[in-house]
Protein backbone atom coordinates (compact mmCIF):
# COMPACT_ATOMS: atom_id res chain seq x y z
CA MET A 1 46.61 -33.19 -79.10
CA LYS A 2 46.21 -29.45 -78.92
CA GLN A 3 46.73 -27.55 -82.23
CA LEU A 4 49.43 -25.05 -82.80
CA ARG A 5 47.93 -21.64 -83.20
CA ILE A 6 49.43 -18.41 -84.42
CA THR A 7 46.43 -16.34 -84.06
CA LEU A 8 44.01 -15.75 -81.19
CA SER A 9 40.29 -15.97 -81.26
CA ALA A 10 38.45 -12.94 -82.75
CA GLY A 11 37.43 -11.69 -79.36
CA ALA A 12 40.95 -11.87 -78.00
CA VAL A 13 42.35 -10.12 -80.99
CA LEU A 14 39.96 -7.20 -80.64
CA ALA A 15 40.91 -7.06 -76.95
CA ALA A 16 44.52 -6.77 -77.98
CA GLY A 17 43.56 -3.55 -79.76
CA VAL A 18 43.86 -4.80 -83.37
CA THR A 19 41.65 -2.90 -85.84
CA VAL A 20 39.65 -4.84 -88.40
CA ALA A 21 38.91 -3.52 -91.95
CA ILE A 22 35.30 -3.66 -92.98
CA ALA A 23 35.53 -2.40 -96.55
CA GLY A 24 37.63 -3.11 -99.64
CA THR A 25 38.33 -6.10 -101.74
CA PRO A 26 38.46 -9.34 -99.67
CA PHE A 27 41.17 -11.84 -100.21
CA GLY A 28 38.55 -14.49 -100.72
CA GLY A 29 38.15 -18.13 -99.93
CA ASP A 30 39.41 -19.12 -96.59
CA ASP A 31 41.49 -16.04 -96.10
CA THR A 32 40.41 -12.96 -94.10
CA GLY A 33 41.91 -9.63 -94.83
CA THR A 34 41.57 -6.93 -97.46
CA VAL A 35 43.56 -6.73 -100.66
CA PRO A 36 45.37 -3.44 -100.69
CA ASP A 37 44.35 -0.86 -103.27
CA PRO A 38 47.14 -1.06 -105.92
CA ALA A 39 47.16 2.71 -106.07
CA HIS A 40 48.20 2.83 -102.41
CA LYS A 41 51.65 1.49 -102.86
CA THR A 42 53.14 2.68 -99.68
CA THR A 43 50.33 0.90 -97.68
CA LEU A 44 50.87 -2.29 -99.64
CA LYS A 45 54.60 -2.21 -99.03
CA CYS A 46 54.05 -1.54 -95.33
CA GLU A 47 51.66 -4.46 -94.94
CA GLU A 48 53.94 -6.76 -96.77
CA THR A 49 56.89 -5.65 -94.66
CA ILE A 50 55.05 -6.34 -91.46
CA GLY A 51 53.68 -9.66 -92.71
CA LYS A 52 57.29 -10.66 -93.52
CA ALA A 53 58.42 -9.52 -90.05
CA VAL A 54 55.69 -11.80 -88.55
CA GLY A 55 57.20 -14.73 -90.29
CA LYS A 56 60.66 -13.78 -89.07
CA ALA A 57 59.39 -13.39 -85.52
CA VAL A 58 57.79 -16.82 -85.58
CA GLY A 59 61.09 -18.32 -86.86
CA CYS A 60 63.06 -16.46 -84.26
CA ILE A 61 60.80 -17.69 -81.33
CA ALA A 62 61.22 -21.26 -82.64
CA LYS A 63 64.85 -20.88 -82.23
CA CYS A 64 64.37 -19.75 -78.63
CA THR A 65 62.19 -22.81 -78.05
CA ALA A 66 64.84 -24.98 -79.53
CA LYS A 67 67.45 -23.51 -77.21
CA ARG A 68 65.22 -24.34 -74.24
CA SER A 69 64.62 -27.78 -75.52
CA SER A 70 68.39 -28.55 -75.91
CA GLY A 71 69.38 -27.11 -72.59
CA VAL A 72 71.12 -23.99 -73.95
CA PHE A 73 68.57 -22.04 -71.95
CA ALA A 74 68.18 -23.37 -68.49
CA ASP A 75 64.66 -22.20 -67.68
CA ASP A 76 61.64 -20.32 -68.90
CA THR A 77 63.07 -16.98 -67.74
CA ALA A 78 65.95 -17.26 -70.17
CA GLU A 79 63.67 -18.27 -72.94
CA ASP A 80 61.30 -15.46 -72.35
CA ALA A 81 64.20 -12.98 -72.49
CA CYS A 82 65.07 -14.47 -75.89
CA GLU A 83 61.54 -14.00 -77.05
CA LYS A 84 60.68 -10.54 -75.77
CA ASN A 85 62.98 -8.83 -73.32
CA LEU A 86 66.69 -8.57 -74.27
CA ALA A 87 67.61 -4.89 -74.42
CA GLY A 88 66.10 -4.54 -77.91
CA LYS A 89 67.56 -7.75 -79.33
CA SER A 90 64.84 -10.26 -78.62
CA CYS A 91 62.54 -11.56 -81.27
CA LEU A 92 59.54 -9.43 -80.44
CA GLU A 93 61.49 -6.25 -79.73
CA LYS A 94 63.03 -6.58 -83.11
CA PHE A 95 59.52 -7.27 -84.66
CA THR A 96 58.03 -4.23 -82.93
CA ALA A 97 60.79 -1.99 -84.09
CA ALA A 98 60.44 -3.24 -87.66
CA GLY A 99 56.71 -2.72 -87.58
CA ALA A 100 56.98 0.75 -86.31
CA LYS A 101 59.61 1.59 -88.98
CA ALA A 102 57.33 0.21 -91.71
CA GLN A 103 54.39 2.23 -90.48
CA SER A 104 56.46 5.39 -90.40
CA LYS A 105 57.11 5.09 -94.04
CA ASP A 106 53.36 4.97 -95.07
CA THR A 107 52.56 8.65 -95.01
CA THR A 108 48.90 7.94 -95.96
CA GLY A 109 48.31 6.35 -92.58
CA GLY A 110 46.69 3.33 -94.21
CA CYS A 111 49.01 0.84 -92.55
CA ASN A 112 48.13 2.23 -89.05
CA CYS A 113 45.14 -0.17 -88.95
CA ILE A 114 47.84 -2.72 -87.84
CA SER A 115 48.42 -2.93 -84.02
CA VAL A 116 52.11 -3.99 -83.99
CA SER A 117 52.01 -4.44 -80.25
CA GLY A 118 48.81 -6.50 -80.53
CA LEU A 119 50.42 -8.63 -83.12
CA ALA A 120 53.51 -9.25 -80.93
CA THR A 121 51.22 -10.34 -78.15
CA VAL A 122 49.39 -12.75 -80.42
CA ILE A 123 52.54 -14.27 -81.81
CA GLU A 124 54.11 -14.93 -78.38
CA PHE A 125 50.93 -15.97 -76.61
CA ASP A 126 49.95 -18.58 -79.20
CA LEU A 127 53.28 -20.08 -79.94
CA ASP A 128 54.13 -20.44 -76.24
CA SER A 129 50.77 -21.75 -75.28
CA MET A 130 50.44 -24.28 -78.03
CA ASN A 131 53.93 -25.53 -78.54
CA ASN A 132 52.93 -28.84 -77.15
CA ALA A 133 51.61 -29.74 -80.64
CA VAL A 134 55.26 -30.16 -81.53
CA TYR A 135 56.82 -30.93 -78.26
CA CYS A 136 54.09 -33.40 -77.40
CA ASP A 137 56.13 -36.28 -75.94
CA THR A 138 55.89 -36.46 -72.19
CA THR A 139 58.61 -39.06 -71.59
CA SER A 140 60.99 -36.73 -69.89
CA GLY A 141 58.37 -35.58 -67.39
CA THR A 142 59.90 -32.03 -67.60
CA PRO A 143 57.42 -29.33 -68.72
CA PHE A 144 58.87 -26.35 -70.53
CA GLY A 145 57.44 -24.15 -67.70
CA GLY A 146 56.10 -20.67 -67.42
CA ASP A 147 53.82 -19.73 -70.28
CA ASP A 148 55.01 -22.54 -72.51
CA THR A 149 53.16 -25.82 -72.76
CA GLY A 150 54.75 -29.14 -73.96
CA ASP A 151 57.62 -31.01 -72.49
CA VAL A 152 61.30 -30.70 -72.88
CA PRO A 153 62.46 -33.85 -74.65
CA VAL A 154 65.09 -36.21 -73.20
CA ALA A 155 68.41 -34.70 -74.07
CA LYS A 156 70.12 -35.92 -77.22
CA SER A 157 67.31 -38.42 -77.93
CA ALA A 158 65.82 -39.28 -81.25
CA VAL A 159 62.60 -37.64 -80.11
CA ALA A 160 64.50 -34.49 -79.32
CA LYS A 161 66.07 -34.36 -82.73
CA CYS A 162 62.75 -34.94 -84.45
CA GLU A 163 60.77 -32.45 -82.37
CA ASP A 164 63.46 -29.77 -82.69
CA THR A 165 63.49 -30.22 -86.48
CA VAL A 166 59.72 -30.02 -86.73
CA ASN A 167 59.71 -26.92 -84.62
CA LYS A 168 62.08 -25.36 -87.23
CA LEU A 169 59.97 -26.51 -90.13
CA VAL A 170 56.77 -25.02 -88.71
CA GLY A 171 58.45 -21.67 -88.74
CA LYS A 172 59.66 -22.21 -92.24
CA ALA A 173 56.10 -23.25 -93.41
CA ALA A 174 54.58 -20.21 -91.69
CA GLY A 175 57.03 -17.86 -93.49
CA CYS A 176 56.24 -19.53 -96.80
CA ILE A 177 52.53 -19.08 -96.40
CA ILE A 178 53.04 -15.52 -95.46
CA LYS A 179 54.89 -15.04 -98.83
CA CYS A 180 51.79 -16.54 -100.57
CA HIS A 181 49.65 -13.88 -98.89
CA ALA A 182 52.03 -11.14 -100.05
CA ALA A 183 51.97 -12.46 -103.58
CA ARG A 184 48.09 -12.42 -103.52
CA ALA A 185 48.14 -8.88 -102.01
CA SER A 186 50.44 -7.57 -104.73
CA GLY A 187 48.55 -9.23 -107.58
CA LYS A 188 51.23 -11.73 -108.42
CA LEU A 189 48.72 -14.43 -107.59
CA ALA A 190 45.37 -13.48 -109.16
CA ASP A 191 42.90 -15.13 -106.88
CA ASP A 192 42.29 -17.40 -103.95
CA THR A 193 42.66 -20.55 -106.09
CA ALA A 194 46.16 -19.55 -107.09
CA GLU A 195 47.01 -18.64 -103.54
CA ASP A 196 45.80 -21.98 -102.20
CA ALA A 197 47.91 -23.68 -104.76
CA CYS A 198 50.91 -21.75 -103.47
CA GLU A 199 50.09 -22.82 -99.90
CA LYS A 200 49.10 -26.49 -100.21
CA ASN A 201 48.63 -27.93 -103.71
CA ASN A 202 51.36 -27.38 -106.35
CA ALA A 203 52.71 -30.81 -107.41
CA GLY A 204 54.80 -31.12 -104.31
CA HIS A 205 56.26 -27.57 -104.50
CA SER A 206 53.74 -25.76 -102.13
CA CYS A 207 54.59 -24.65 -98.71
CA LEU A 208 52.70 -27.38 -96.90
CA GLU A 209 53.50 -30.21 -99.26
CA LYS A 210 57.17 -29.42 -98.65
CA PHE A 211 56.51 -29.29 -94.98
CA GLN A 212 54.78 -32.73 -94.78
CA ALA A 213 57.48 -34.22 -97.06
CA SER A 214 60.23 -32.97 -94.78
CA VAL A 215 58.59 -34.33 -91.65
CA ALA A 216 58.00 -37.69 -93.36
CA LYS A 217 61.76 -38.04 -93.80
CA LEU A 218 62.47 -37.77 -90.07
CA THR A 219 63.09 -40.65 -87.76
CA GLY A 220 62.51 -41.05 -84.10
CA CYS A 221 59.34 -38.89 -84.03
CA PRO A 222 56.78 -39.67 -81.28
CA PRO A 223 53.39 -41.04 -82.25
CA CYS A 224 51.66 -37.86 -80.80
CA LEU A 225 53.23 -35.66 -83.47
CA ASN A 226 50.96 -35.45 -86.47
CA ALA A 227 52.33 -33.72 -89.57
CA THR A 228 48.95 -33.67 -91.42
CA THR A 229 47.27 -32.00 -88.47
CA LEU A 230 50.05 -29.53 -88.06
CA ALA A 231 49.87 -28.58 -91.72
CA SER A 232 46.19 -28.02 -91.58
CA THR A 233 46.47 -25.86 -88.49
CA ILE A 234 49.33 -23.75 -89.82
CA GLU A 235 47.30 -22.94 -92.87
CA SER A 236 43.93 -22.36 -91.16
CA THR A 237 45.38 -20.14 -88.43
CA LEU A 238 47.36 -18.01 -90.82
CA ASP A 239 44.60 -17.64 -93.27
CA THR A 240 42.17 -16.74 -90.44
CA GLY A 241 44.65 -14.22 -88.99
CA ASN A 242 45.54 -12.64 -92.24
CA SER A 243 43.25 -9.69 -91.57
CA LEU A 244 45.64 -8.67 -88.65
CA THR A 245 48.21 -7.69 -91.23
CA TYR A 246 46.16 -6.91 -94.42
CA CYS A 247 43.59 -4.67 -92.73
CA ALA A 248 43.87 -1.42 -94.76
CA SER A 249 40.64 -0.36 -96.42
CA PRO A 250 40.63 1.52 -99.74
CA SER A 251 37.57 3.45 -98.61
CA GLY A 252 39.03 4.35 -95.28
CA ALA A 253 36.15 2.76 -93.31
CA PHE A 254 37.33 0.86 -90.21
CA LEU A 255 35.84 -0.81 -87.23
CA GLU A 256 37.85 0.36 -84.17
């Protein structure tokens, strides 16, 4: 089963025009990215705002996917409009606007290391191309089509209910992990150990423990859907892609 990915490979990220910080305090552990200088409050706020917007965009695209799955959207064209082309009301148009607004408020320019358009491309490409990690059952024989992988589930089936719910839970887990990253960036979580606890090991209260517990309660899920694999992939891809948002360098040194 292919894994759900929310970030591209390093080479594709650079091709998308995303700048990568090469100086500053690393997040540490399995996280990429640079912890913002506490003195640069406007940059910290900007990066946190864009990080939050990423989570919101992921959740929004999940809703577009669910509408395609349930038949509310008849085809890939309608789903794509929901995701990125709807007279300013699509998921990624709203994300891009929110990112530009956040950057305009950082007069230091530190937050300009983020390529908002590059991030939008990353979010759409990976969620569309890897949605077969959730919509993995091929019983219907009806592919999502276009740039989406996976198969549309049989209407009103138990599999459809399960896959649609997991799709929603993936977005919720992603948003939760992004909040853990923001807490680490702001100093609310002191180190990588505390952040990892927030993400996956907190006596049942972490993002991924809640995700797996919620999936375990579902019925009618196809054998191809693996909650453990999904949880691991959500964490690893968001941690690896953290530098796309938390890229500002206190020294001002960047690799273009």
